[in-house]
Amino acid sequence: MNAVYVRIGDYRSAYHTDADCPSLNGRQDTHKGQESMSEDEAKTQGLTACQRCKK
């Protein structure tokens, strides 16, 4: 089971494999941090894979 990162706050539509991804940490005015969860859990919440994360 792979751990992924998700935004806490607004604009939460993707999960990230790179904790330093600009899409995960951007929009500082609405960013409230990040949390980790399993990739399956993120998909269950309707999140999709980030296309900007390093593979």
N, C-alpha and C. Protein backbone atom coordinates (compact mmCIF):
# COMPACT_ATOMS: atom_id res chain seq x y z
N MET A 1 0.85 -1.18 0.00
CA MET A 1 0.00 0.00 0.00
C MET A 1 0.89 1.24 0.00
N ASN A 2 0.70 2.11 -0.96
CA ASN A 2 1.51 3.31 -1.10
C ASN A 2 0.90 4.47 -0.34
N ALA A 3 1.74 5.20 0.37
CA ALA A 3 1.28 6.42 1.05
C ALA A 3 1.37 7.58 0.07
N VAL A 4 0.36 8.43 0.09
CA VAL A 4 0.32 9.63 -0.75
C VAL A 4 0.01 10.82 0.14
N TYR A 5 0.14 12.01 -0.41
CA TYR A 5 -0.09 13.25 0.33
C TYR A 5 -1.28 13.98 -0.26
N VAL A 6 -2.07 14.58 0.61
CA VAL A 6 -3.21 15.37 0.16
C VAL A 6 -3.22 16.70 0.91
N ARG A 7 -3.78 17.71 0.24
CA ARG A 7 -3.94 19.04 0.83
C ARG A 7 -4.97 19.03 1.93
N ILE A 8 -4.77 19.86 2.91
CA ILE A 8 -5.80 20.17 3.88
C ILE A 8 -6.27 21.57 3.51
N GLY A 9 -7.55 21.73 3.27
CA GLY A 9 -8.09 23.03 2.88
C GLY A 9 -8.77 22.97 1.53
N ASP A 10 -8.91 24.13 0.90
CA ASP A 10 -9.57 24.24 -0.39
C ASP A 10 -8.68 23.70 -1.51
N TYR A 11 -9.28 23.52 -2.67
CA TYR A 11 -8.58 23.05 -3.86
C TYR A 11 -7.96 21.67 -3.65
N ARG A 12 -8.71 20.80 -3.01
CA ARG A 12 -8.26 19.44 -2.75
C ARG A 12 -8.92 18.52 -3.78
N SER A 13 -8.24 18.26 -4.86
CA SER A 13 -8.81 17.40 -5.91
C SER A 13 -7.85 16.30 -6.33
N ALA A 14 -6.61 16.33 -5.86
CA ALA A 14 -5.62 15.35 -6.29
C ALA A 14 -4.82 14.84 -5.10
N TYR A 15 -4.24 13.67 -5.29
CA TYR A 15 -3.28 13.16 -4.32
C TYR A 15 -1.89 13.21 -4.96
N HIS A 16 -0.89 13.30 -4.12
CA HIS A 16 0.47 13.57 -4.58
C HIS A 16 1.43 12.51 -4.05
N THR A 17 2.37 12.11 -4.90
CA THR A 17 3.42 11.18 -4.49
C THR A 17 4.66 11.91 -4.01
N ASP A 18 4.76 13.18 -4.33
CA ASP A 18 5.90 14.03 -3.96
C ASP A 18 5.44 15.07 -2.93
N ALA A 19 5.94 14.97 -1.71
CA ALA A 19 5.53 15.89 -0.65
C ALA A 19 5.93 17.34 -0.94
N ASP A 20 6.85 17.55 -1.88
CA ASP A 20 7.29 18.89 -2.23
C ASP A 20 6.66 19.41 -3.52
N CYS A 21 5.65 18.74 -4.02
CA CYS A 21 5.00 19.13 -5.27
C CYS A 21 4.44 20.56 -5.16
N PRO A 22 4.69 21.41 -6.15
CA PRO A 22 4.15 22.78 -6.13
C PRO A 22 2.62 22.81 -6.07
N SER A 23 1.97 21.84 -6.68
CA SER A 23 0.49 21.81 -6.65
C SER A 23 -0.04 21.48 -5.26
N LEU A 24 0.71 20.74 -4.51
CA LEU A 24 0.31 20.37 -3.14
C LEU A 24 0.51 21.54 -2.19
N ASN A 25 1.57 22.29 -2.37
CA ASN A 25 1.95 23.33 -1.41
C ASN A 25 1.65 24.74 -1.89
N GLY A 26 1.11 24.91 -3.07
CA GLY A 26 0.82 26.23 -3.62
C GLY A 26 -0.42 26.86 -3.00
N ARG A 27 -0.78 28.02 -3.50
CA ARG A 27 -1.94 28.78 -3.02
C ARG A 27 -1.89 28.92 -1.50
N GLN A 28 -0.88 29.55 -1.03
CA GLN A 28 -0.66 29.67 0.41
C GLN A 28 -1.82 30.31 1.15
N ASP A 29 -2.62 31.11 0.47
CA ASP A 29 -3.76 31.75 1.13
C ASP A 29 -4.84 30.74 1.50
N THR A 30 -4.88 29.59 0.84
CA THR A 30 -5.89 28.57 1.16
C THR A 30 -5.28 27.27 1.66
N HIS A 31 -3.97 27.23 1.77
CA HIS A 31 -3.26 26.00 2.19
C HIS A 31 -3.25 25.90 3.71
N LYS A 32 -3.72 24.79 4.22
CA LYS A 32 -3.74 24.58 5.67
C LYS A 32 -2.88 23.39 6.07
N GLY A 33 -1.96 23.00 5.20
CA GLY A 33 -1.07 21.89 5.49
C GLY A 33 -1.37 20.70 4.60
N GLN A 34 -0.76 19.58 4.95
CA GLN A 34 -0.96 18.35 4.20
C GLN A 34 -1.04 17.17 5.15
N GLU A 35 -1.66 16.10 4.68
CA GLU A 35 -1.75 14.88 5.45
C GLU A 35 -1.44 13.72 4.54
N SER A 36 -1.06 12.60 5.11
CA SER A 36 -0.81 11.41 4.30
C SER A 36 -1.90 10.38 4.54
N MET A 37 -2.11 9.56 3.53
CA MET A 37 -3.09 8.47 3.60
C MET A 37 -2.71 7.47 2.52
N SER A 38 -3.37 6.34 2.50
CA SER A 38 -3.09 5.35 1.46
C SER A 38 -3.64 5.84 0.13
N GLU A 39 -3.05 5.38 -0.93
CA GLU A 39 -3.52 5.75 -2.27
C GLU A 39 -4.96 5.29 -2.47
N ASP A 40 -5.29 4.10 -1.96
CA ASP A 40 -6.66 3.59 -2.08
C ASP A 40 -7.66 4.49 -1.36
N GLU A 41 -7.29 4.97 -0.18
CA GLU A 41 -8.17 5.87 0.58
C GLU A 41 -8.39 7.18 -0.17
N ALA A 42 -7.32 7.70 -0.78
CA ALA A 42 -7.43 8.95 -1.55
C ALA A 42 -8.38 8.75 -2.73
N LYS A 43 -8.25 7.62 -3.43
CA LYS A 43 -9.13 7.34 -4.56
C LYS A 43 -10.57 7.20 -4.11
N THR A 44 -10.78 6.59 -2.94
CA THR A 44 -12.13 6.44 -2.39
C THR A 44 -12.76 7.80 -2.13
N GLN A 45 -11.94 8.79 -1.78
CA GLN A 45 -12.44 10.14 -1.52
C GLN A 45 -12.64 10.93 -2.82
N GLY A 46 -12.41 10.29 -3.96
CA GLY A 46 -12.62 10.93 -5.24
C GLY A 46 -11.43 11.72 -5.76
N LEU A 47 -10.27 11.58 -5.13
CA LEU A 47 -9.08 12.30 -5.56
C LEU A 47 -8.40 11.55 -6.71
N THR A 48 -7.76 12.29 -7.59
CA THR A 48 -7.05 11.70 -8.72
C THR A 48 -5.55 11.98 -8.58
N ALA A 49 -4.76 11.23 -9.32
CA ALA A 49 -3.30 11.37 -9.26
C ALA A 49 -2.87 12.72 -9.84
N CYS A 50 -1.98 13.40 -9.16
CA CYS A 50 -1.42 14.66 -9.63
C CYS A 50 -0.54 14.39 -10.85
N GLN A 51 -0.68 15.20 -11.86
CA GLN A 51 0.13 15.06 -13.06
C GLN A 51 1.46 15.80 -12.98
N ARG A 52 1.65 16.63 -11.93
CA ARG A 52 2.89 17.39 -11.80
C ARG A 52 3.93 16.70 -10.92
N CYS A 53 3.50 15.73 -10.11
CA CYS A 53 4.44 15.05 -9.21
C CYS A 53 5.50 14.28 -9.99
N LYS A 54 6.68 14.25 -9.41
CA LYS A 54 7.76 13.46 -10.00
C LYS A 54 7.38 11.99 -9.90
N LYS A 55 7.62 11.26 -10.95
CA LYS A 55 7.27 9.83 -10.96
C LYS A 55 8.36 9.00 -10.35
